PDB file of N, CA and C in Angstrom:
ATOM      1  N   MET A   1      32.052  14.675  -0.544  1.00  0.00           N
ATOM      2  CA  MET A   1      32.079  13.516   0.226  1.00  0.00           C
ATOM      3  C   MET A   1      31.586  12.327  -0.626  1.00  0.00           C
ATOM      4  N   GLN A   2      32.280  11.185  -0.586  1.00  0.00           N
ATOM      5  CA  GLN A   2      31.766  10.024  -1.272  1.00  0.00           C
ATOM      6  C   GLN A   2      31.290   9.080  -0.147  1.00  0.00           C
ATOM      7  N   ALA A   3      30.138   8.456  -0.390  1.00  0.00           N
ATOM      8  CA  ALA A   3      29.569   7.561   0.552  1.00  0.00           C
ATOM      9  C   ALA A   3      28.764   6.464  -0.102  1.00  0.00           C
ATOM     10  N   ASP A   4      28.538   5.355   0.606  1.00  0.00           N
ATOM     11  CA  ASP A   4      27.739   4.242   0.109  1.00  0.00           C
ATOM     12  C   ASP A   4      26.257   4.530   0.427  1.00  0.00           C
ATOM     13  N   MET A   5      25.429   4.534  -0.622  1.00  0.00           N
ATOM     14  CA  MET A   5      24.007   4.812  -0.426  1.00  0.00           C
ATOM     15  C   MET A   5      23.327   3.756   0.482  1.00  0.00           C
ATOM     16  N   LEU A   6      23.935   2.592   0.597  1.00  0.00           N
ATOM     17  CA  LEU A   6      23.332   1.492   1.398  1.00  0.00           C
ATOM     18  C   LEU A   6      23.631   1.680   2.824  1.00  0.00           C
ATOM     19  N   GLU A   7      24.642   2.439   3.136  1.00  0.00           N
ATOM     20  CA  GLU A   7      25.134   2.661   4.555  1.00  0.00           C
ATOM     21  C   GLU A   7      25.501   4.118   4.680  1.00  0.00           C
ATOM     22  N   LEU A   8      24.531   5.027   4.774  1.00  0.00           N
ATOM     23  CA  LEU A   8      24.856   6.426   4.881  1.00  0.00           C
ATOM     24  C   LEU A   8      25.596   6.722   6.159  1.00  0.00           C
ATOM     25  N   PRO A   9      26.724   7.425   5.999  1.00  0.00           N
ATOM     26  CA  PRO A   9      27.583   7.712   7.198  1.00  0.00           C
ATOM     27  C   PRO A   9      27.222   8.983   7.919  1.00  0.00           C
ATOM     28  N   PHE A  10      25.960   9.287   8.054  1.00  0.00           N
ATOM     29  CA  PHE A  10      25.506  10.558   8.678  1.00  0.00           C
ATOM     30  C   PHE A  10      24.717  10.261   9.925  1.00  0.00           C
ATOM     31  N   ASP A  11      24.696  11.241  10.812  1.00  0.00           N
ATOM     32  CA  ASP A  11      23.920  11.100  12.049  1.00  0.00           C
ATOM     33  C   ASP A  11      22.399  11.107  11.743  1.00  0.00           C
ATOM     34  N   ASP A  12      21.644  10.553  12.706  1.00  0.00           N
ATOM     35  CA  ASP A  12      20.253  10.600  12.571  1.00  0.00           C
ATOM     36  C   ASP A  12      19.730  11.966  12.512  1.00  0.00           C
ATOM     37  N   GLU A  13      18.690  12.189  11.733  1.00  0.00           N
ATOM     38  CA  GLU A  13      17.968  13.413  11.627  1.00  0.00           C
ATOM     39  C   GLU A  13      18.881  14.632  11.480  1.00  0.00           C
ATOM     40  N   CYS A  14      19.747  14.561  10.503  1.00  0.00           N
ATOM     41  CA  CYS A  14      20.680  15.644  10.275  1.00  0.00           C
ATOM     42  C   CYS A  14      20.423  16.465   9.053  1.00  0.00           C
ATOM     43  N   PHE A  15      19.474  16.024   8.211  1.00  0.00           N
ATOM     44  CA  PHE A  15      19.214  16.757   6.922  1.00  0.00           C
ATOM     45  C   PHE A  15      17.730  17.191   6.853  1.00  0.00           C
ATOM     46  N   ASP A  16      17.548  18.442   6.339  1.00  0.00           N
ATOM     47  CA  ASP A  16      16.236  18.939   6.062  1.00  0.00           C
ATOM     48  C   ASP A  16      15.700  18.410   4.714  1.00  0.00           C
ATOM     49  N   LEU A  17      16.671  18.101   3.820  1.00  0.00           N
ATOM     50  CA  LEU A  17      16.304  17.718   2.412  1.00  0.00           C
ATOM     51  C   LEU A  17      17.275  16.660   1.865  1.00  0.00           C
ATOM     52  N   VAL A  18      16.796  15.700   1.270  1.00  0.00           N
ATOM     53  CA  VAL A  18      17.600  14.695   0.558  1.00  0.00           C
ATOM     54  C   VAL A  18      17.034  14.569  -0.863  1.00  0.00           C
ATOM     55  N   ILE A  19      17.914  14.701  -1.876  1.00  0.00           N
ATOM     56  CA  ILE A  19      17.474  14.589  -3.218  1.00  0.00           C
ATOM     57  C   ILE A  19      18.241  13.456  -3.916  1.00  0.00           C
ATOM     58  N   GLU A  20      17.527  12.592  -4.615  1.00  0.00           N
ATOM     59  CA  GLU A  20      18.176  11.605  -5.404  1.00  0.00           C
ATOM     60  C   GLU A  20      17.624  11.658  -6.830  1.00  0.00           C
ATOM     61  N   LYS A  21      18.523  11.501  -7.816  1.00  0.00           N
ATOM     62  CA  LYS A  21      18.124  11.505  -9.178  1.00  0.00           C
ATOM     63  C   LYS A  21      18.742  10.236  -9.813  1.00  0.00           C
ATOM     64  N   GLY A  22      17.885   9.270 -10.094  1.00  0.00           N
ATOM     65  CA  GLY A  22      18.320   8.093 -10.780  1.00  0.00           C
ATOM     66  C   GLY A  22      18.890   6.976  -9.893  1.00  0.00           C
ATOM     67  N   THR A  23      19.116   7.259  -8.640  1.00  0.00           N
ATOM     68  CA  THR A  23      19.704   6.184  -7.749  1.00  0.00           C
ATOM     69  C   THR A  23      18.757   5.024  -7.659  1.00  0.00           C
ATOM     70  N   MET A  24      17.475   5.305  -7.454  1.00  0.00           N
ATOM     71  CA  MET A  24      16.501   4.188  -7.411  1.00  0.00           C
ATOM     72  C   MET A  24      16.448   3.449  -8.786  1.00  0.00           C
ATOM     73  N   ASP A  25      16.580   4.130  -9.880  1.00  0.00           N
ATOM     74  CA  ASP A  25      16.566   3.498 -11.141  1.00  0.00           C
ATOM     75  C   ASP A  25      17.763   2.489 -11.298  1.00  0.00           C
ATOM     76  N   VAL A  26      18.901   2.944 -10.797  1.00  0.00           N
ATOM     77  CA  VAL A  26      20.106   2.055 -10.889  1.00  0.00           C
ATOM     78  C   VAL A  26      19.879   0.781 -10.067  1.00  0.00           C
ATOM     79  N   LEU A  27      19.240   0.920  -8.850  1.00  0.00           N
ATOM     80  CA  LEU A  27      19.015  -0.260  -8.059  1.00  0.00           C
ATOM     81  C   LEU A  27      18.037  -1.206  -8.748  1.00  0.00           C
ATOM     82  N   PHE A  28      17.212  -0.713  -9.570  1.00  0.00           N
ATOM     83  CA  PHE A  28      16.206  -1.633 -10.221  1.00  0.00           C
ATOM     84  C   PHE A  28      16.643  -2.150 -11.613  1.00  0.00           C
ATOM     85  N   VAL A  29      17.840  -1.859 -12.069  1.00  0.00           N
ATOM     86  CA  VAL A  29      18.268  -2.324 -13.382  1.00  0.00           C
ATOM     87  C   VAL A  29      18.266  -3.813 -13.547  1.00  0.00           C
ATOM     88  N   ASP A  30      18.715  -4.541 -12.583  1.00  0.00           N
ATOM     89  CA  ASP A  30      18.715  -5.994 -12.657  1.00  0.00           C
ATOM     90  C   ASP A  30      17.685  -6.630 -11.766  1.00  0.00           C
ATOM     91  N   SER A  31      16.507  -5.960 -11.597  1.00  0.00           N
ATOM     92  CA  SER A  31      15.514  -6.460 -10.628  1.00  0.00           C
ATOM     93  C   SER A  31      14.677  -7.606 -11.169  1.00  0.00           C
ATOM     94  N   GLY A  32      14.728  -7.890 -12.420  1.00  0.00           N
ATOM     95  CA  GLY A  32      13.821  -8.942 -12.980  1.00  0.00           C
ATOM     96  C   GLY A  32      12.451  -8.375 -13.263  1.00  0.00           C
ATOM     97  N   ASP A  33      11.428  -9.128 -12.825  1.00  0.00           N
ATOM     98  CA  ASP A  33      10.067  -8.716 -13.071  1.00  0.00           C
ATOM     99  C   ASP A  33       9.745  -7.486 -12.269  1.00  0.00           C
ATOM    100  N   PRO A  34       9.342  -6.355 -12.929  1.00  0.00           N
ATOM    101  CA  PRO A  34       9.077  -5.106 -12.148  1.00  0.00           C
ATOM    102  C   PRO A  34       7.903  -5.228 -11.157  1.00  0.00           C
ATOM    103  N   TRP A  35       6.963  -6.243 -11.420  1.00  0.00           N
ATOM    104  CA  TRP A  35       5.862  -6.443 -10.502  1.00  0.00           C
ATOM    105  C   TRP A  35       6.325  -7.239  -9.254  1.00  0.00           C
ATOM    106  N   ASN A  36       7.430  -7.988  -9.429  1.00  0.00           N
ATOM    107  CA  ASN A  36       7.880  -8.812  -8.325  1.00  0.00           C
ATOM    108  C   ASN A  36       9.432  -8.767  -8.357  1.00  0.00           C
ATOM    109  N   PRO A  37      10.075  -7.662  -7.952  1.00  0.00           N
ATOM    110  CA  PRO A  37      11.550  -7.547  -8.008  1.00  0.00           C
ATOM    111  C   PRO A  37      12.241  -8.603  -7.189  1.00  0.00           C
ATOM    112  N   LYS A  38      13.468  -8.920  -7.633  1.00  0.00           N
ATOM    113  CA  LYS A  38      14.307  -9.890  -6.910  1.00  0.00           C
ATOM    114  C   LYS A  38      14.442  -9.444  -5.455  1.00  0.00           C
ATOM    115  N   PRO A  39      14.527 -10.417  -4.516  1.00  0.00           N
ATOM    116  CA  PRO A  39      14.833 -10.108  -3.111  1.00  0.00           C
ATOM    117  C   PRO A  39      16.041  -9.275  -2.861  1.00  0.00           C
ATOM    118  N   GLU A  40      17.147  -9.595  -3.620  1.00  0.00           N
ATOM    119  CA  GLU A  40      18.376  -8.816  -3.476  1.00  0.00           C
ATOM    120  C   GLU A  40      18.100  -7.275  -3.858  1.00  0.00           C
ATOM    121  N   THR A  41      17.310  -7.125  -4.875  1.00  0.00           N
ATOM    122  CA  THR A  41      16.998  -5.739  -5.262  1.00  0.00           C
ATOM    123  C   THR A  41      16.239  -4.991  -4.144  1.00  0.00           C
ATOM    124  N   MET A  42      15.212  -5.645  -3.683  1.00  0.00           N
ATOM    125  CA  MET A  42      14.389  -5.068  -2.638  1.00  0.00           C
ATOM    126  C   MET A  42      15.187  -4.804  -1.377  1.00  0.00           C
ATOM    127  N   SER A  43      16.100  -5.687  -1.077  1.00  0.00           N
ATOM    128  CA  SER A  43      16.970  -5.447   0.133  1.00  0.00           C
ATOM    129  C   SER A  43      17.788  -4.170  -0.036  1.00  0.00           C
ATOM    130  N   LYS A  44      18.306  -3.954  -1.248  1.00  0.00           N
ATOM    131  CA  LYS A  44      19.162  -2.735  -1.436  1.00  0.00           C
ATOM    132  C   LYS A  44      18.245  -1.468  -1.465  1.00  0.00           C
ATOM    133  N   VAL A  45      17.103  -1.640  -2.056  1.00  0.00           N
ATOM    134  CA  VAL A  45      16.140  -0.510  -2.086  1.00  0.00           C
ATOM    135  C   VAL A  45      15.711  -0.089  -0.746  1.00  0.00           C
ATOM    136  N   MET A  46      15.329  -1.040   0.097  1.00  0.00           N
ATOM    137  CA  MET A  46      14.910  -0.810   1.443  1.00  0.00           C
ATOM    138  C   MET A  46      16.037  -0.273   2.327  1.00  0.00           C
ATOM    139  N   SER A  47      17.217  -0.715   2.168  1.00  0.00           N
ATOM    140  CA  SER A  47      18.374  -0.226   2.876  1.00  0.00           C
ATOM    141  C   SER A  47      18.616   1.256   2.550  1.00  0.00           C
ATOM    142  N   THR A  48      18.470   1.541   1.253  1.00  0.00           N
ATOM    143  CA  THR A  48      18.691   2.934   0.834  1.00  0.00           C
ATOM    144  C   THR A  48      17.644   3.840   1.396  1.00  0.00           C
ATOM    145  N   LEU A  49      16.358   3.446   1.289  1.00  0.00           N
ATOM    146  CA  LEU A  49      15.240   4.266   1.862  1.00  0.00           C
ATOM    147  C   LEU A  49      15.280   4.354   3.331  1.00  0.00           C
ATOM    148  N   LYS A  50      15.644   3.285   4.018  1.00  0.00           N
ATOM    149  CA  LYS A  50      15.733   3.380   5.499  1.00  0.00           C
ATOM    150  C   LYS A  50      16.809   4.357   5.885  1.00  0.00           C
ATOM    151  N   GLY A  51      17.945   4.396   5.133  1.00  0.00           N
ATOM    152  CA  GLY A  51      18.977   5.333   5.421  1.00  0.00           C
ATOM    153  C   GLY A  51      18.524   6.737   5.211  1.00  0.00           C
ATOM    154  N   VAL A  52      17.836   6.972   4.154  1.00  0.00           N
ATOM    155  CA  VAL A  52      17.275   8.327   3.796  1.00  0.00           C
ATOM    156  C   VAL A  52      16.330   8.723   4.911  1.00  0.00           C
ATOM    157  N   HIS A  53      15.414   7.836   5.306  1.00  0.00           N
ATOM    158  CA  HIS A  53      14.440   8.142   6.342  1.00  0.00           C
ATOM    159  C   HIS A  53      15.145   8.450   7.640  1.00  0.00           C
ATOM    160  N   ARG A  54      16.162   7.732   7.997  1.00  0.00           N
ATOM    161  CA  ARG A  54      16.907   7.905   9.221  1.00  0.00           C
ATOM    162  C   ARG A  54      17.582   9.299   9.273  1.00  0.00           C
ATOM    163  N   VAL A  55      18.194   9.755   8.193  1.00  0.00           N
ATOM    164  CA  VAL A  55      18.927  11.006   8.245  1.00  0.00           C
ATOM    165  C   VAL A  55      18.037  12.201   8.063  1.00  0.00           C
ATOM    166  N   LEU A  56      16.796  12.045   7.672  1.00  0.00           N
ATOM    167  CA  LEU A  56      15.942  13.155   7.554  1.00  0.00           C
ATOM    168  C   LEU A  56      15.387  13.628   8.907  1.00  0.00           C
ATOM    169  N   LYS A  57      15.402  14.961   9.049  1.00  0.00           N
ATOM    170  CA  LYS A  57      14.808  15.542  10.310  1.00  0.00           C
ATOM    171  C   LYS A  57      13.286  15.400  10.237  1.00  0.00           C
ATOM    172  N   GLU A  58      12.630  15.605  11.348  1.00  0.00           N
ATOM    173  CA  GLU A  58      11.181  15.683  11.369  1.00  0.00           C
ATOM    174  C   GLU A  58      10.778  16.783  10.371  1.00  0.00           C
ATOM    175  N   ASP A  59       9.739  16.542   9.622  1.00  0.00           N
ATOM    176  CA  ASP A  59       9.289  17.390   8.582  1.00  0.00           C
ATOM    177  C   ASP A  59      10.240  17.556   7.441  1.00  0.00           C
ATOM    178  N   GLY A  60      11.289  16.717   7.419  1.00  0.00           N
ATOM    179  CA  GLY A  60      12.268  16.779   6.298  1.00  0.00           C
ATOM    180  C   GLY A  60      11.681  16.189   5.020  1.00  0.00           C
ATOM    181  N   ILE A  61      12.246  16.519   3.891  1.00  0.00           N
ATOM    182  CA  ILE A  61      11.672  16.157   2.624  1.00  0.00           C
ATOM    183  C   ILE A  61      12.707  15.368   1.835  1.00  0.00           C
ATOM    184  N   PHE A  62      12.248  14.298   1.233  1.00  0.00           N
ATOM    185  CA  PHE A  62      13.020  13.427   0.340  1.00  0.00           C
ATOM    186  C   PHE A  62      12.393  13.633  -1.064  1.00  0.00           C
ATOM    187  N   ILE A  63      13.256  14.027  -2.029  1.00  0.00           N
ATOM    188  CA  ILE A  63      12.803  14.134  -3.426  1.00  0.00           C
ATOM    189  C   ILE A  63      13.484  13.096  -4.228  1.00  0.00           C
ATOM    190  N   SER A  64      12.718  12.316  -4.918  1.00  0.00           N
ATOM    191  CA  SER A  64      13.225  11.266  -5.742  1.00  0.00           C
ATOM    192  C   SER A  64      12.773  11.525  -7.234  1.00  0.00           C
ATOM    193  N   ILE A  65      13.761  11.722  -8.116  1.00  0.00           N
ATOM    194  CA  ILE A  65      13.519  11.994  -9.505  1.00  0.00           C
ATOM    195  C   ILE A  65      13.881  10.671 -10.290  1.00  0.00           C
ATOM    196  N   THR A  66      12.917  10.089 -10.924  1.00  0.00           N
ATOM    197  CA  THR A  66      13.039   8.708 -11.407  1.00  0.00           C
ATOM    198  C   THR A  66      12.193   8.427 -12.627  1.00  0.00           C
ATOM    199  N   PHE A  67      12.499   7.411 -13.331  1.00  0.00           N
ATOM    200  CA  PHE A  67      11.638   6.918 -14.371  1.00  0.00           C
ATOM    201  C   PHE A  67      10.601   5.899 -13.859  1.00  0.00           C
ATOM    202  N   GLY A  68      10.753   5.511 -12.554  1.00  0.00           N
ATOM    203  CA  GLY A  68       9.849   4.523 -11.919  1.00  0.00           C
ATOM    204  C   GLY A  68       8.452   4.987 -11.806  1.00  0.00           C
ATOM    205  N   GLN A  69       7.494   4.324 -12.340  1.00  0.00           N
ATOM    206  CA  GLN A  69       6.131   4.710 -12.351  1.00  0.00           C
ATOM    207  C   GLN A  69       5.495   4.525 -10.983  1.00  0.00           C
ATOM    208  N   PRO A  70       4.493   5.329 -10.710  1.00  0.00           N
ATOM    209  CA  PRO A  70       3.859   5.297  -9.354  1.00  0.00           C
ATOM    210  C   PRO A  70       3.315   3.947  -8.918  1.00  0.00           C
ATOM    211  N   HIS A  71       2.799   3.127  -9.897  1.00  0.00           N
ATOM    212  CA  HIS A  71       2.251   1.838  -9.490  1.00  0.00           C
ATOM    213  C   HIS A  71       3.367   0.863  -9.016  1.00  0.00           C
ATOM    214  N   PHE A  72       4.641   1.198  -9.403  1.00  0.00           N
ATOM    215  CA  PHE A  72       5.774   0.424  -8.866  1.00  0.00           C
ATOM    216  C   PHE A  72       6.372   1.053  -7.643  1.00  0.00           C
ATOM    217  N   ARG A  73       6.464   2.369  -7.570  1.00  0.00           N
ATOM    218  CA  ARG A  73       7.212   3.047  -6.454  1.00  0.00           C
ATOM    219  C   ARG A  73       6.285   3.295  -5.233  1.00  0.00           C
ATOM    220  N   ARG A  74       5.026   3.585  -5.372  1.00  0.00           N
ATOM    221  CA  ARG A  74       4.204   3.866  -4.237  1.00  0.00           C
ATOM    222  C   ARG A  74       4.204   2.766  -3.148  1.00  0.00           C
ATOM    223  N   PRO A  75       4.033   1.506  -3.565  1.00  0.00           N
ATOM    224  CA  PRO A  75       4.051   0.469  -2.525  1.00  0.00           C
ATOM    225  C   PRO A  75       5.394   0.396  -1.764  1.00  0.00           C
ATOM    226  N   ILE A  76       6.456   0.752  -2.363  1.00  0.00           N
ATOM    227  CA  ILE A  76       7.780   0.738  -1.701  1.00  0.00           C
ATOM    228  C   ILE A  76       7.859   1.978  -0.782  1.00  0.00           C
ATOM    229  N   PHE A  77       7.468   3.123  -1.279  1.00  0.00           N
ATOM    230  CA  PHE A  77       7.589   4.309  -0.504  1.00  0.00           C
ATOM    231  C   PHE A  77       6.609   4.260   0.695  1.00  0.00           C
ATOM    232  N   ASN A  78       5.516   3.569   0.552  1.00  0.00           N
ATOM    233  CA  ASN A  78       4.477   3.463   1.585  1.00  0.00           C
ATOM    234  C   ASN A  78       4.680   2.326   2.489  1.00  0.00           C
ATOM    235  N   ALA A  79       5.809   1.696   2.477  1.00  0.00           N
ATOM    236  CA  ALA A  79       6.139   0.499   3.351  1.00  0.00           C
ATOM    237  C   ALA A  79       5.964   0.953   4.792  1.00  0.00           C
ATOM    238  N   PRO A  80       5.552   0.044   5.670  1.00  0.00           N
ATOM    239  CA  PRO A  80       5.344   0.372   7.097  1.00  0.00           C
ATOM    240  C   PRO A  80       6.578   0.888   7.820  1.00  0.00           C
ATOM    241  N   ASP A  81       7.769   0.691   7.301  1.00  0.00           N
ATOM    242  CA  ASP A  81       9.020   1.229   7.914  1.00  0.00           C
ATOM    243  C   ASP A  81       9.106   2.741   7.848  1.00  0.00           C
ATOM    244  N   PHE A  82       8.278   3.399   7.021  1.00  0.00           N
ATOM    245  CA  PHE A  82       8.440   4.781   6.794  1.00  0.00           C
ATOM    246  C   PHE A  82       7.300   5.591   7.322  1.00  0.00           C
ATOM    247  N   THR A  83       7.586   6.780   7.848  1.00  0.00           N
ATOM    248  CA  THR A  83       6.533   7.664   8.300  1.00  0.00           C
ATOM    249  C   THR A  83       6.649   8.987   7.445  1.00  0.00           C
ATOM    250  N   TRP A  84       6.263   8.856   6.212  1.00  0.00           N
ATOM    251  CA  TRP A  84       6.251  10.098   5.311  1.00  0.00           C
ATOM    252  C   TRP A  84       5.096  10.042   4.422  1.00  0.00           C
ATOM    253  N   SER A  85       4.670  11.214   3.992  1.00  0.00           N
ATOM    254  CA  SER A  85       3.625  11.295   2.963  1.00  0.00           C
ATOM    255  C   SER A  85       4.242  11.112   1.598  1.00  0.00           C
ATOM    256  N   VAL A  86       3.457  10.712   0.636  1.00  0.00           N
ATOM    257  CA  VAL A  86       3.989  10.421  -0.677  1.00  0.00           C
ATOM    258  C   VAL A  86       3.143  11.178  -1.722  1.00  0.00           C
ATOM    259  N   GLU A  87       3.775  12.068  -2.483  1.00  0.00           N
ATOM    260  CA  GLU A  87       3.054  12.759  -3.563  1.00  0.00           C
ATOM    261  C   GLU A  87       4.042  12.745  -4.768  1.00  0.00           C
ATOM    262  N   TRP A  88       3.511  12.907  -5.942  1.00  0.00           N
ATOM    263  CA  TRP A  88       4.375  12.888  -7.141  1.00  0.00           C
ATOM    264  C   TRP A  88       3.736  13.702  -8.245  1.00  0.00           C
ATOM    265  N   THR A  89       4.618  14.071  -9.174  1.00  0.00           N
ATOM    266  CA  THR A  89       4.235  14.782 -10.370  1.00  0.00           C
ATOM    267  C   THR A  89       4.904  14.095 -11.508  1.00  0.00           C
ATOM    268  N   THR A  90       4.196  14.055 -12.678  1.00  0.00           N
ATOM    269  CA  THR A  90       4.705  13.481 -13.868  1.00  0.00           C
ATOM    270  C   THR A  90       5.167  14.566 -14.876  1.00  0.00           C
ATOM    271  N   PHE A  91       6.293  14.367 -15.493  1.00  0.00           N
ATOM    272  CA  PHE A  91       6.834  15.321 -16.431  1.00  0.00           C
ATOM    273  C   PHE A  91       7.178  14.599 -17.761  1.00  0.00           C
ATOM    274  N   GLY A  92       7.166  15.304 -18.850  1.00  0.00           N
ATOM    275  CA  GLY A  92       7.535  14.717 -20.111  1.00  0.00           C
ATOM    276  C   GLY A  92       6.347  14.490 -20.978  1.00  0.00           C
ATOM    277  N   GLU A  93       6.486  14.493 -22.278  1.00  0.00           N
ATOM    278  CA  GLU A  93       5.409  14.330 -23.202  1.00  0.00           C
ATOM    279  C   GLU A  93       5.387  12.904 -23.802  1.00  0.00           C
ATOM    280  N   THR A  94       6.541  12.465 -24.367  1.00  0.00           N
ATOM    281  CA  THR A  94       6.573  11.103 -24.920  1.00  0.00           C
ATOM    282  C   THR A  94       7.258  10.147 -24.059  1.00  0.00           C
ATOM    283  N   PHE A  95       8.225  10.592 -23.229  1.00  0.00           N
ATOM    284  CA  PHE A  95       8.942   9.788 -22.302  1.00  0.00           C
ATOM    285  C   PHE A  95       8.743  10.370 -20.932  1.00  0.00           C
ATOM    286  N   HIS A  96       8.093   9.747 -20.032  1.00  0.00           N
ATOM    287  CA  HIS A  96       7.765  10.345 -18.710  1.00  0.00           C
ATOM    288  C   HIS A  96       8.798  10.021 -17.664  1.00  0.00           C
ATOM    289  N   TYR A  97       8.957  11.043 -16.814  1.00  0.00           N
ATOM    290  CA  TYR A  97       9.710  10.759 -15.527  1.00  0.00           C
ATOM    291  C   TYR A  97       8.861  11.358 -14.483  1.00  0.00           C
ATOM    292  N   PHE A  98       9.197  10.937 -13.223  1.00  0.00           N
ATOM    293  CA  PHE A  98       8.403  11.266 -12.080  1.00  0.00           C
ATOM    294  C   PHE A  98       9.231  11.915 -10.993  1.00  0.00           C
ATOM    295  N   VAL A  99       8.647  12.886 -10.360  1.00  0.00           N
ATOM    296  CA  VAL A  99       9.294  13.535  -9.214  1.00  0.00           C
ATOM    297  C   VAL A  99       8.387  13.239  -7.990  1.00  0.00           C
ATOM    298  N   TYR A 100       8.874  12.461  -7.087  1.00  0.00           N
ATOM    299  CA  TYR A 100       8.232  12.079  -5.833  1.00  0.00           C
ATOM    300  C   TYR A 100       8.711  13.010  -4.750  1.00  0.00           C
ATOM    301  N   VAL A 101       7.746  13.509  -3.982  1.00  0.00           N
ATOM    302  CA  VAL A 101       8.072  14.354  -2.822  1.00  0.00           C
ATOM    303  C   VAL A 101       7.545  13.585  -1.581  1.00  0.00           C
ATOM    304  N   LEU A 102       8.460  13.185  -0.702  1.00  0.00           N
ATOM    305  CA  LEU A 102       8.070  12.432   0.472  1.00  0.00           C
ATOM    306  C   LEU A 102       8.464  13.329   1.697  1.00  0.00           C
ATOM    307  N   LYS A 103       7.427  13.672   2.500  1.00  0.00           N
ATOM    308  CA  LYS A 103       7.642  14.487   3.664  1.00  0.00           C
ATOM    309  C   LYS A 103       7.545  13.640   4.905  1.00  0.00           C
ATOM    310  N   LYS A 104       8.585  13.651   5.685  1.00  0.00           N
ATOM    311  CA  LYS A 104       8.595  12.854   6.944  1.00  0.00           C
ATOM    312  C   LYS A 104       7.730  13.500   7.970  1.00  0.00           C
ATOM    313  N   TYR A 105       6.909  12.681   8.572  1.00  0.00           N
ATOM    314  CA  TYR A 105       5.945  13.256   9.563  1.00  0.00           C
ATOM    315  C   TYR A 105       6.737  13.735  10.758  1.00  0.00           C
ATOM    316  N   SER A 106       6.077  14.701  11.445  1.00  0.00           N
ATOM    317  CA  SER A 106       6.590  15.173  12.699  1.00  0.00           C
ATOM    318  C   SER A 106       6.091  14.213  13.762  1.00  0.00           C
ATOM    319  N   CYS A 107       6.593  14.319  15.006  1.00  0.00           N
ATOM    320  CA  CYS A 107       6.155  13.442  16.123  1.00  0.00           C
ATOM    321  C   CYS A 107       4.633  13.582  16.299  1.00  0.00           C
ATOM    322  N   PHE A 108       4.135  14.791  16.253  1.00  0.00           N
ATOM    323  CA  PHE A 108       2.711  14.998  16.395  1.00  0.00           C
ATOM    324  C   PHE A 108       1.867  14.361  15.364  1.00  0.00           C
ATOM    325  N   GLU A 109       2.335  14.400  14.104  1.00  0.00           N
ATOM    326  CA  GLU A 109       1.626  13.754  13.014  1.00  0.00           C
ATOM    327  C   GLU A 109       1.708  12.213  13.174  1.00  0.00           C
ATOM    328  N   ARG A 110       2.807  11.683  13.685  1.00  0.00           N
ATOM    329  CA  ARG A 110       2.924  10.211  13.843  1.00  0.00           C
ATOM    330  C   ARG A 110       1.861   9.758  14.928  1.00  0.00           C
ATOM    331  N   ILE A 111       1.734  10.541  16.020  1.00  0.00           N
ATOM    332  CA  ILE A 111       0.808  10.157  17.054  1.00  0.00           C
ATOM    333  C   ILE A 111      -0.585  10.260  16.538  1.00  0.00           C
ATOM    334  N   ARG A 112      -0.942  11.248  15.787  1.00  0.00           N
ATOM    335  CA  ARG A 112      -2.279  11.448  15.216  1.00  0.00           C
ATOM    336  C   ARG A 112      -2.555  10.328  14.230  1.00  0.00           C
ATOM    337  N   SER A 113      -1.557   9.942  13.427  1.00  0.00           N
ATOM    338  CA  SER A 113      -1.696   8.842  12.439  1.00  0.00           C
ATOM    339  C   SER A 113      -1.991   7.537  13.154  1.00  0.00           C
ATOM    340  N   ARG A 114      -1.208   7.236  14.208  1.00  0.00           N
ATOM    341  CA  ARG A 114      -1.380   6.004  14.976  1.00  0.00           C
ATOM    342  C   ARG A 114      -2.767   5.998  15.618  1.00  0.00           C
ATOM    343  N   GLU A 115      -3.222   7.130  16.212  1.00  0.00           N
ATOM    344  CA  GLU A 115      -4.509   7.138  16.827  1.00  0.00           C
ATOM    345  C   GLU A 115      -5.671   6.896  15.835  1.00  0.00           C
ATOM    346  N   SER A 116      -5.500   7.444  14.630  1.00  0.00           N
ATOM    347  CA  SER A 116      -6.555   7.215  13.638  1.00  0.00           C
ATOM    348  C   SER A 116      -6.613   5.737  13.134  1.00  0.00           C
ATOM    349  N   LYS A 117      -5.385   5.110  13.171  1.00  0.00           N
ATOM    350  CA  LYS A 117      -5.389   3.678  12.750  1.00  0.00           C
ATOM    351  C   LYS A 117      -5.979   2.806  13.789  1.00  0.00           C
ATOM    352  N   ASP A 118      -5.783   3.169  15.106  1.00  0.00           N
ATOM    353  CA  ASP A 118      -6.296   2.377  16.229  1.00  0.00           C
ATOM    354  C   ASP A 118      -7.816   2.524  16.378  1.00  0.00           C
ATOM    355  N   SER A 119      -8.439   3.611  15.796  1.00  0.00           N
ATOM    356  CA  SER A 119      -9.869   3.876  15.982  1.00  0.00           C
ATOM    357  C   SER A 119     -10.670   2.970  15.142  1.00  0.00           C
TER     358      SER A 119
END
């Protein structure tokens, strides 16, 4: 199936796992300053991530394989729009790439997270 990553044609919470390799890198090619990406870039990145978040089931996992370093990607992955944990591993000796594992919270974990923020 061919689909637009900015408008995923899938039902809500229909996947246990979503894997992307290099998609985020493509979105950032013309982003300008990596510390302050262009608004058009961020709009596309957020649309893509919101789509992934939407199609993941509770406790679903999103794996992102990218050259994007954690100091650039973590703030995006940790945006308030998302309810997932963020972990990563670095691979490579001279040229590094990163594997991010984002696990979508279950309803119970969302409630517990909200309660701890309210305390």
